[in-house]
Amino acid sequence: MHGMYTLALLNGGVGTRVAAGQPKQLIRVNHIPAMIYPLIAVDDIPEIDQIILNFPAGWEDTMRKLVADYAIKTPITYVEGGDTRHASVRSMLEHCDNEHVILHETARPLVTKAEFEALIAADKDNVSFMLEIPFTVAPVDPDTQQVTGSLERARLRNVQLPQKFRKTTLEAGHAYAQKEDVVFTEDATLCAVAGADVYYIPGNDRNFKVTTKTDVRLAGYLLAGDDDDA
């Protein structure tokens, strides 16, 4: 363990594929809003003593009421979401009081307390859960629909969340991105490209991102405990 942690929980954005105009984190999985599951998972972890929760513009009151309804005890700071995920992380950093930051997203409601604890226990400072890729991926030219080569699957990983970083590492990564005028879709690759040492530990295929109606049904099935692997 490396001291105390702040959880920066990405919770911005209004869903188009699954939520029909409302924030996708309000989609109910087994009658509970998706955003509540990660909050419950970390609420009894003593190393996490601060949560930064962002929200889409105009939805702060709704988010605060939901958190109150589910009696989350860990202190929460509410921050309006940015135009992109990248911008949201950057704006949340200035509110993080701890030297160590865990990033997660409410679109991954199947994350477990044990996974957060394993991440905290990992001996490196900058660590992400990642999965082996069970299928073949190929580089292509989307304009011509031409296959342009091959990629070695053993040297690729599916990036998951949660991830943990030193706050200074994240700040340096985002400063690099701003200087280079580039935007990343997640922070493990951002920090690595910016020059930090970033590591991974094996993830779990249950901890998937809920983005479609099929995902919502599958998440509900798994959270109900109907599978043998729970």
C-alpha atoms as a PDB file:
ATOM      1  CA  MET A   1       0.000   0.000   0.000  1.00  0.00           C
ATOM      2  CA  HIS A   2       1.240   3.507  -0.824  1.00  0.00           C
ATOM      3  CA  GLY A   3      -0.756   5.799   1.467  1.00  0.00           C
ATOM      4  CA  MET A   4      -4.251   7.063   0.783  1.00  0.00           C
ATOM      5  CA  TYR A   5      -6.092   7.149  -2.528  1.00  0.00           C
ATOM      6  CA  THR A   6      -8.585   9.385  -4.289  1.00  0.00           C
ATOM      7  CA  LEU A   7     -11.063   7.657  -6.602  1.00  0.00           C
ATOM      8  CA  ALA A   8     -11.752   9.790  -9.675  1.00  0.00           C
ATOM      9  CA  LEU A   9     -14.976   8.255 -10.989  1.00  0.00           C
ATOM     10  CA  LEU A  10     -15.795   9.206 -14.570  1.00  0.00           C
ATOM     11  CA  ASN A  11     -19.526   9.713 -14.707  1.00  0.00           C
ATOM     12  CA  GLY A  12     -20.032  12.328 -17.411  1.00  0.00           C
ATOM     13  CA  GLY A  13     -21.602  12.072 -20.818  1.00  0.00           C
ATOM     14  CA  VAL A  14     -25.124  11.525 -22.034  1.00  0.00           C
ATOM     15  CA  GLY A  15     -25.687   8.138 -23.635  1.00  0.00           C
ATOM     16  CA  THR A  16     -26.938   7.927 -27.194  1.00  0.00           C
ATOM     17  CA  ARG A  17     -26.693   4.179 -27.830  1.00  0.00           C
ATOM     18  CA  VAL A  18     -28.371   2.960 -24.678  1.00  0.00           C
ATOM     19  CA  ALA A  19     -29.782   5.801 -22.596  1.00  0.00           C
ATOM     20  CA  ALA A  20     -31.938   7.772 -25.060  1.00  0.00           C
ATOM     21  CA  GLY A  21     -31.072  11.283 -23.914  1.00  0.00           C
ATOM     22  CA  GLN A  22     -30.418  10.665 -20.230  1.00  0.00           C
ATOM     23  CA  PRO A  23     -26.990  10.034 -18.724  1.00  0.00           C
ATOM     24  CA  LYS A  24     -26.122   6.399 -19.364  1.00  0.00           C
ATOM     25  CA  GLN A  25     -24.935   5.995 -15.790  1.00  0.00           C
ATOM     26  CA  LEU A  26     -28.581   6.340 -14.698  1.00  0.00           C
ATOM     27  CA  ILE A  27     -29.525   3.208 -16.636  1.00  0.00           C
ATOM     28  CA  ARG A  28     -30.711   0.738 -14.051  1.00  0.00           C
ATOM     29  CA  VAL A  29     -29.042  -2.648 -13.838  1.00  0.00           C
ATOM     30  CA  ASN A  30     -31.163  -4.930 -11.647  1.00  0.00           C
ATOM     31  CA  HIS A  31     -33.116  -1.843 -10.554  1.00  0.00           C
ATOM     32  CA  ILE A  32     -29.993   0.007  -9.335  1.00  0.00           C
ATOM     33  CA  PRO A  33     -28.416   2.862 -11.361  1.00  0.00           C
ATOM     34  CA  ALA A  34     -25.126   1.755 -12.931  1.00  0.00           C
ATOM     35  CA  MET A  35     -23.231   4.619 -11.256  1.00  0.00           C
ATOM     36  CA  ILE A  36     -24.003   3.254  -7.789  1.00  0.00           C
ATOM     37  CA  TYR A  37     -22.168  -0.077  -8.144  1.00  0.00           C
ATOM     38  CA  PRO A  38     -18.578   1.303  -8.161  1.00  0.00           C
ATOM     39  CA  LEU A  39     -19.443   3.668  -5.286  1.00  0.00           C
ATOM     40  CA  ILE A  40     -20.635   0.743  -3.171  1.00  0.00           C
ATOM     41  CA  ALA A  41     -17.554  -1.310  -4.168  1.00  0.00           C
ATOM     42  CA  VAL A  42     -15.131   1.283  -2.758  1.00  0.00           C
ATOM     43  CA  ASP A  43     -17.174   2.649   0.141  1.00  0.00           C
ATOM     44  CA  ASP A  44     -15.703   0.245   2.705  1.00  0.00           C
ATOM     45  CA  ILE A  45     -12.091   0.375   1.466  1.00  0.00           C
ATOM     46  CA  PRO A  46     -10.174   2.362   4.101  1.00  0.00           C
ATOM     47  CA  GLU A  47      -7.368   3.384   1.731  1.00  0.00           C
ATOM     48  CA  ILE A  48      -9.868   5.332  -0.420  1.00  0.00           C
ATOM     49  CA  ASP A  49     -10.888   8.389   1.594  1.00  0.00           C
ATOM     50  CA  GLN A  50     -11.991  10.734  -1.213  1.00  0.00           C
ATOM     51  CA  ILE A  51     -14.152  10.348  -4.308  1.00  0.00           C
ATOM     52  CA  ILE A  52     -14.303  12.831  -7.182  1.00  0.00           C
ATOM     53  CA  LEU A  53     -17.498  12.249  -9.165  1.00  0.00           C
ATOM     54  CA  ASN A  54     -18.157  14.132 -12.356  1.00  0.00           C
ATOM     55  CA  PHE A  55     -21.546  14.722 -13.915  1.00  0.00           C
ATOM     56  CA  PRO A  56     -23.044  15.949 -17.200  1.00  0.00           C
ATOM     57  CA  ALA A  57     -24.067  19.611 -17.182  1.00  0.00           C
ATOM     58  CA  GLY A  58     -27.453  20.042 -15.539  1.00  0.00           C
ATOM     59  CA  TRP A  59     -27.472  16.692 -13.747  1.00  0.00           C
ATOM     60  CA  GLU A  60     -25.650  17.497 -10.491  1.00  0.00           C
ATOM     61  CA  ASP A  61     -28.779  17.509  -8.308  1.00  0.00           C
ATOM     62  CA  THR A  62     -29.836  14.114  -9.661  1.00  0.00           C
ATOM     63  CA  MET A  63     -26.394  12.641  -8.944  1.00  0.00           C
ATOM     64  CA  ARG A  64     -26.323  14.063  -5.408  1.00  0.00           C
ATOM     65  CA  LYS A  65     -29.774  12.677  -4.637  1.00  0.00           C
ATOM     66  CA  LEU A  66     -28.824   9.202  -5.862  1.00  0.00           C
ATOM     67  CA  VAL A  67     -25.666   9.165  -3.754  1.00  0.00           C
ATOM     68  CA  ALA A  68     -27.717  10.205  -0.718  1.00  0.00           C
ATOM     69  CA  ASP A  69     -30.348   7.538  -1.465  1.00  0.00           C
ATOM     70  CA  TYR A  70     -27.701   4.815  -1.321  1.00  0.00           C
ATOM     71  CA  ALA A  71     -25.993   6.234   1.803  1.00  0.00           C
ATOM     72  CA  ILE A  72     -22.449   6.408   0.405  1.00  0.00           C
ATOM     73  CA  LYS A  73     -20.208   7.344   3.347  1.00  0.00           C
ATOM     74  CA  THR A  74     -16.948   8.329   1.600  1.00  0.00           C
ATOM     75  CA  PRO A  75     -16.724  12.124   1.056  1.00  0.00           C
ATOM     76  CA  ILE A  76     -17.561  13.060  -2.537  1.00  0.00           C
ATOM     77  CA  THR A  77     -16.549  16.133  -4.534  1.00  0.00           C
ATOM     78  CA  TYR A  78     -18.754  16.846  -7.567  1.00  0.00           C
ATOM     79  CA  VAL A  79     -17.124  18.210 -10.731  1.00  0.00           C
ATOM     80  CA  GLU A  80     -18.852  18.998 -14.020  1.00  0.00           C
ATOM     81  CA  GLY A  81     -17.706  16.739 -16.855  1.00  0.00           C
ATOM     82  CA  GLY A  82     -15.618  18.035 -19.741  1.00  0.00           C
ATOM     83  CA  ASP A  83     -16.262  17.828 -23.478  1.00  0.00           C
ATOM     84  CA  THR A  84     -14.223  14.615 -23.671  1.00  0.00           C
ATOM     85  CA  ARG A  85     -13.204  11.878 -21.267  1.00  0.00           C
ATOM     86  CA  HIS A  86      -9.649  13.221 -21.528  1.00  0.00           C
ATOM     87  CA  ALA A  87     -10.781  16.730 -20.518  1.00  0.00           C
ATOM     88  CA  SER A  88     -12.842  15.316 -17.652  1.00  0.00           C
ATOM     89  CA  VAL A  89      -9.845  13.542 -16.103  1.00  0.00           C
ATOM     90  CA  ARG A  90      -7.744  16.679 -16.429  1.00  0.00           C
ATOM     91  CA  SER A  91     -10.375  18.816 -14.668  1.00  0.00           C
ATOM     92  CA  MET A  92     -10.813  16.244 -11.878  1.00  0.00           C
ATOM     93  CA  LEU A  93      -7.089  16.147 -11.062  1.00  0.00           C
ATOM     94  CA  GLU A  94      -7.020  19.569  -9.421  1.00  0.00           C
ATOM     95  CA  HIS A  95      -9.614  18.344  -6.896  1.00  0.00           C
ATOM     96  CA  CYS A  96      -7.662  15.215  -5.892  1.00  0.00           C
ATOM     97  CA  ASP A  97      -6.220  15.663  -2.385  1.00  0.00           C
ATOM     98  CA  ASN A  98      -4.139  12.465  -2.315  1.00  0.00           C
ATOM     99  CA  GLU A  99      -0.833  11.626  -3.947  1.00  0.00           C
ATOM    100  CA  HIS A 100      -2.341   8.471  -5.441  1.00  0.00           C
ATOM    101  CA  VAL A 101      -5.346   8.455  -7.756  1.00  0.00           C
ATOM    102  CA  ILE A 102      -7.530   5.584  -8.928  1.00  0.00           C
ATOM    103  CA  LEU A 103      -9.489   6.118 -12.141  1.00  0.00           C
ATOM    104  CA  HIS A 104     -12.686   4.222 -12.851  1.00  0.00           C
ATOM    105  CA  GLU A 105     -15.832   4.793 -14.897  1.00  0.00           C
ATOM    106  CA  THR A 106     -19.442   4.212 -13.916  1.00  0.00           C
ATOM    107  CA  ALA A 107     -19.979   2.473 -17.263  1.00  0.00           C
ATOM    108  CA  ARG A 108     -18.160  -0.514 -15.679  1.00  0.00           C
ATOM    109  CA  PRO A 109     -20.612  -1.441 -12.907  1.00  0.00           C
ATOM    110  CA  LEU A 110     -19.370  -5.022 -12.492  1.00  0.00           C
ATOM    111  CA  VAL A 111     -16.092  -3.985 -10.864  1.00  0.00           C
ATOM    112  CA  THR A 112     -15.618  -5.577  -7.444  1.00  0.00           C
ATOM    113  CA  LYS A 113     -14.215  -4.440  -4.112  1.00  0.00           C
ATOM    114  CA  ALA A 114     -11.588  -7.170  -4.478  1.00  0.00           C
ATOM    115  CA  GLU A 115     -10.405  -5.694  -7.781  1.00  0.00           C
ATOM    116  CA  PHE A 116      -9.921  -2.258  -6.229  1.00  0.00           C
ATOM    117  CA  GLU A 117      -8.057  -3.898  -3.338  1.00  0.00           C
ATOM    118  CA  ALA A 118      -5.822  -5.853  -5.741  1.00  0.00           C
ATOM    119  CA  LEU A 119      -5.004  -2.675  -7.623  1.00  0.00           C
ATOM    120  CA  ILE A 120      -4.082  -0.873  -4.391  1.00  0.00           C
ATOM    121  CA  ALA A 121      -1.942  -3.862  -3.321  1.00  0.00           C
ATOM    122  CA  ALA A 122       0.013  -3.941  -6.613  1.00  0.00           C
ATOM    123  CA  ASP A 123       3.565  -2.867  -5.826  1.00  0.00           C
ATOM    124  CA  LYS A 124       3.980  -0.383  -8.697  1.00  0.00           C
ATOM    125  CA  ASP A 125       2.604   3.165  -8.601  1.00  0.00           C
ATOM    126  CA  ASN A 126       1.092   3.264 -12.104  1.00  0.00           C
ATOM    127  CA  VAL A 127      -0.951   0.145 -12.838  1.00  0.00           C
ATOM    128  CA  SER A 128      -3.938  -0.749 -15.021  1.00  0.00           C
ATOM    129  CA  PHE A 129      -6.038  -3.858 -15.265  1.00  0.00           C
ATOM    130  CA  MET A 130      -5.715  -5.318 -18.767  1.00  0.00           C
ATOM    131  CA  LEU A 131      -7.003  -8.419 -20.525  1.00  0.00           C
ATOM    132  CA  GLU A 132      -5.479 -10.689 -23.111  1.00  0.00           C
ATOM    133  CA  ILE A 133      -7.216 -10.294 -26.465  1.00  0.00           C
ATOM    134  CA  PRO A 134      -8.983 -13.550 -27.409  1.00  0.00           C
ATOM    135  CA  PHE A 135      -9.552 -12.567 -31.043  1.00  0.00           C
ATOM    136  CA  THR A 136      -7.414 -11.399 -33.943  1.00  0.00           C
ATOM    137  CA  VAL A 137      -7.093  -7.669 -34.581  1.00  0.00           C
ATOM    138  CA  ALA A 138      -5.799  -6.152 -37.811  1.00  0.00           C
ATOM    139  CA  PRO A 139      -4.641  -2.666 -38.795  1.00  0.00           C
ATOM    140  CA  VAL A 140      -6.773  -1.295 -41.622  1.00  0.00           C
ATOM    141  CA  ASP A 141      -7.358   1.809 -43.719  1.00  0.00           C
ATOM    142  CA  PRO A 142     -10.963   2.778 -42.917  1.00  0.00           C
ATOM    143  CA  ASP A 143     -11.216   4.950 -46.047  1.00  0.00           C
ATOM    144  CA  THR A 144     -10.407   2.153 -48.487  1.00  0.00           C
ATOM    145  CA  GLN A 145     -11.434  -0.759 -46.238  1.00  0.00           C
ATOM    146  CA  GLN A 146      -8.056  -2.295 -47.007  1.00  0.00           C
ATOM    147  CA  VAL A 147      -6.199  -4.518 -44.526  1.00  0.00           C
ATOM    148  CA  THR A 148      -2.759  -2.962 -44.119  1.00  0.00           C
ATOM    149  CA  GLY A 149      -0.820  -5.569 -42.135  1.00  0.00           C
ATOM    150  CA  SER A 150      -0.952  -7.680 -39.020  1.00  0.00           C
ATOM    151  CA  LEU A 151      -0.516  -7.233 -35.274  1.00  0.00           C
ATOM    152  CA  GLU A 152       0.989  -9.696 -32.834  1.00  0.00           C
ATOM    153  CA  ARG A 153      -1.843 -10.500 -30.445  1.00  0.00           C
ATOM    154  CA  ALA A 154       0.483 -11.668 -27.649  1.00  0.00           C
ATOM    155  CA  ARG A 155       1.933  -8.157 -27.431  1.00  0.00           C
ATOM    156  CA  LEU A 156      -1.462  -6.407 -27.236  1.00  0.00           C
ATOM    157  CA  ARG A 157      -3.871  -6.019 -24.330  1.00  0.00           C
ATOM    158  CA  ASN A 158      -7.432  -4.850 -23.889  1.00  0.00           C
ATOM    159  CA  VAL A 159      -7.193  -1.848 -21.532  1.00  0.00           C
ATOM    160  CA  GLN A 160      -9.632  -1.921 -18.623  1.00  0.00           C
ATOM    161  CA  LEU A 161     -10.369   0.221 -15.629  1.00  0.00           C
ATOM    162  CA  PRO A 162      -9.778   0.735 -12.747  1.00  0.00           C
ATOM    163  CA  GLN A 163      -6.266   2.101 -13.060  1.00  0.00           C
ATOM    164  CA  LYS A 164      -4.047   3.743 -10.448  1.00  0.00           C
ATOM    165  CA  PHE A 165      -1.413   6.433 -10.859  1.00  0.00           C
ATOM    166  CA  ARG A 166       0.655   8.859  -8.905  1.00  0.00           C
ATOM    167  CA  LYS A 167      -1.130  12.179  -9.221  1.00  0.00           C
ATOM    168  CA  THR A 168       2.100  13.767 -10.483  1.00  0.00           C
ATOM    169  CA  THR A 169       2.298  11.131 -13.243  1.00  0.00           C
ATOM    170  CA  LEU A 170      -1.230  11.943 -14.424  1.00  0.00           C
ATOM    171  CA  GLU A 171      -0.532  15.675 -14.277  1.00  0.00           C
ATOM    172  CA  ALA A 172       2.634  15.241 -16.341  1.00  0.00           C
ATOM    173  CA  GLY A 173       0.780  13.043 -18.841  1.00  0.00           C
ATOM    174  CA  HIS A 174      -1.975  15.587 -19.339  1.00  0.00           C
ATOM    175  CA  ALA A 175       0.544  18.416 -19.599  1.00  0.00           C
ATOM    176  CA  TYR A 176       2.314  16.423 -22.339  1.00  0.00           C
ATOM    177  CA  ALA A 177      -0.983  15.879 -24.186  1.00  0.00           C
ATOM    178  CA  GLN A 178      -1.802  19.574 -23.986  1.00  0.00           C
ATOM    179  CA  LYS A 179       1.642  20.548 -25.277  1.00  0.00           C
ATOM    180  CA  GLU A 180       1.459  18.047 -28.134  1.00  0.00           C
ATOM    181  CA  ASP A 181      -2.219  18.854 -28.815  1.00  0.00           C
ATOM    182  CA  VAL A 182      -3.273  15.196 -28.638  1.00  0.00           C
ATOM    183  CA  VAL A 183      -6.274  13.545 -26.976  1.00  0.00           C
ATOM    184  CA  PHE A 184      -6.264  10.043 -25.491  1.00  0.00           C
ATOM    185  CA  THR A 185      -9.219   7.775 -24.714  1.00  0.00           C
ATOM    186  CA  GLU A 186      -7.627   6.443 -21.517  1.00  0.00           C
ATOM    187  CA  ASP A 187      -4.739   7.272 -19.224  1.00  0.00           C
ATOM    188  CA  ALA A 188      -2.447   4.213 -19.087  1.00  0.00           C
ATOM    189  CA  THR A 189      -1.401   4.726 -22.697  1.00  0.00           C
ATOM    190  CA  LEU A 190      -1.349   8.503 -22.238  1.00  0.00           C
ATOM    191  CA  CYS A 191       1.090   8.278 -19.330  1.00  0.00           C
ATOM    192  CA  ALA A 192       3.217   5.653 -21.077  1.00  0.00           C
ATOM    193  CA  VAL A 193       3.499   7.751 -24.248  1.00  0.00           C
ATOM    194  CA  ALA A 194       4.364  10.756 -22.069  1.00  0.00           C
ATOM    195  CA  GLY A 195       7.332   8.804 -20.671  1.00  0.00           C
ATOM    196  CA  ALA A 196       6.094   7.260 -17.417  1.00  0.00           C
ATOM    197  CA  ASP A 197       6.603   3.649 -16.370  1.00  0.00           C
ATOM    198  CA  VAL A 198       3.143   2.068 -16.493  1.00  0.00           C
ATOM    199  CA  TYR A 199       2.402  -1.589 -15.744  1.00  0.00           C
ATOM    200  CA  TYR A 200      -0.579  -3.914 -15.973  1.00  0.00           C
ATOM    201  CA  ILE A 201      -2.094  -6.739 -13.974  1.00  0.00           C
ATOM    202  CA  PRO A 202      -4.496  -9.324 -15.423  1.00  0.00           C
ATOM    203  CA  GLY A 203      -8.116  -8.221 -15.439  1.00  0.00           C
ATOM    204  CA  ASN A 204     -11.426 -10.049 -15.461  1.00  0.00           C
ATOM    205  CA  ASP A 205     -13.710 -10.376 -18.474  1.00  0.00           C
ATOM    206  CA  ARG A 206     -16.728  -9.730 -16.227  1.00  0.00           C
ATOM    207  CA  ASN A 207     -15.560  -6.138 -15.780  1.00  0.00           C
ATOM    208  CA  PHE A 208     -16.751  -4.970 -19.185  1.00  0.00           C
ATOM    209  CA  LYS A 209     -17.998  -1.568 -20.296  1.00  0.00           C
ATOM    210  CA  VAL A 210     -21.781  -1.284 -20.531  1.00  0.00           C
ATOM    211  CA  THR A 211     -22.499   0.588 -23.765  1.00  0.00           C
ATOM    212  CA  THR A 212     -25.413  -1.227 -25.457  1.00  0.00           C
ATOM    213  CA  LYS A 213     -28.793  -2.606 -24.427  1.00  0.00           C
ATOM    214  CA  THR A 214     -27.346  -6.101 -24.745  1.00  0.00           C
ATOM    215  CA  ASP A 215     -24.604  -5.100 -22.297  1.00  0.00           C
ATOM    216  CA  VAL A 216     -27.229  -3.874 -19.813  1.00  0.00           C
ATOM    217  CA  ARG A 217     -29.014  -7.246 -19.944  1.00  0.00           C
ATOM    218  CA  LEU A 218     -25.757  -9.186 -19.599  1.00  0.00           C
ATOM    219  CA  ALA A 219     -24.614  -7.012 -16.674  1.00  0.00           C
ATOM    220  CA  GLY A 220     -27.939  -7.585 -14.957  1.00  0.00           C
ATOM    221  CA  TYR A 221     -27.625 -11.331 -15.411  1.00  0.00           C
ATOM    222  CA  LEU A 222     -24.106 -11.403 -13.977  1.00  0.00           C
ATOM    223  CA  LEU A 223     -24.882  -9.070 -11.076  1.00  0.00           C
ATOM    224  CA  ALA A 224     -27.852 -11.231 -10.154  1.00  0.00           C
ATOM    225  CA  GLY A 225     -25.341 -13.993  -9.373  1.00  0.00           C
ATOM    226  CA  ASP A 226     -26.851 -16.475 -11.804  1.00  0.00           C
ATOM    227  CA  ASP A 227     -23.518 -17.484 -13.271  1.00  0.00           C
ATOM    228  CA  ASP A 228     -21.224 -20.137 -11.849  1.00  0.00           C
ATOM    229  CA  ASP A 229     -18.143 -17.894 -11.927  1.00  0.00           C
ATOM    230  CA  ALA A 230     -19.425 -15.195  -9.582  1.00  0.00           C
END
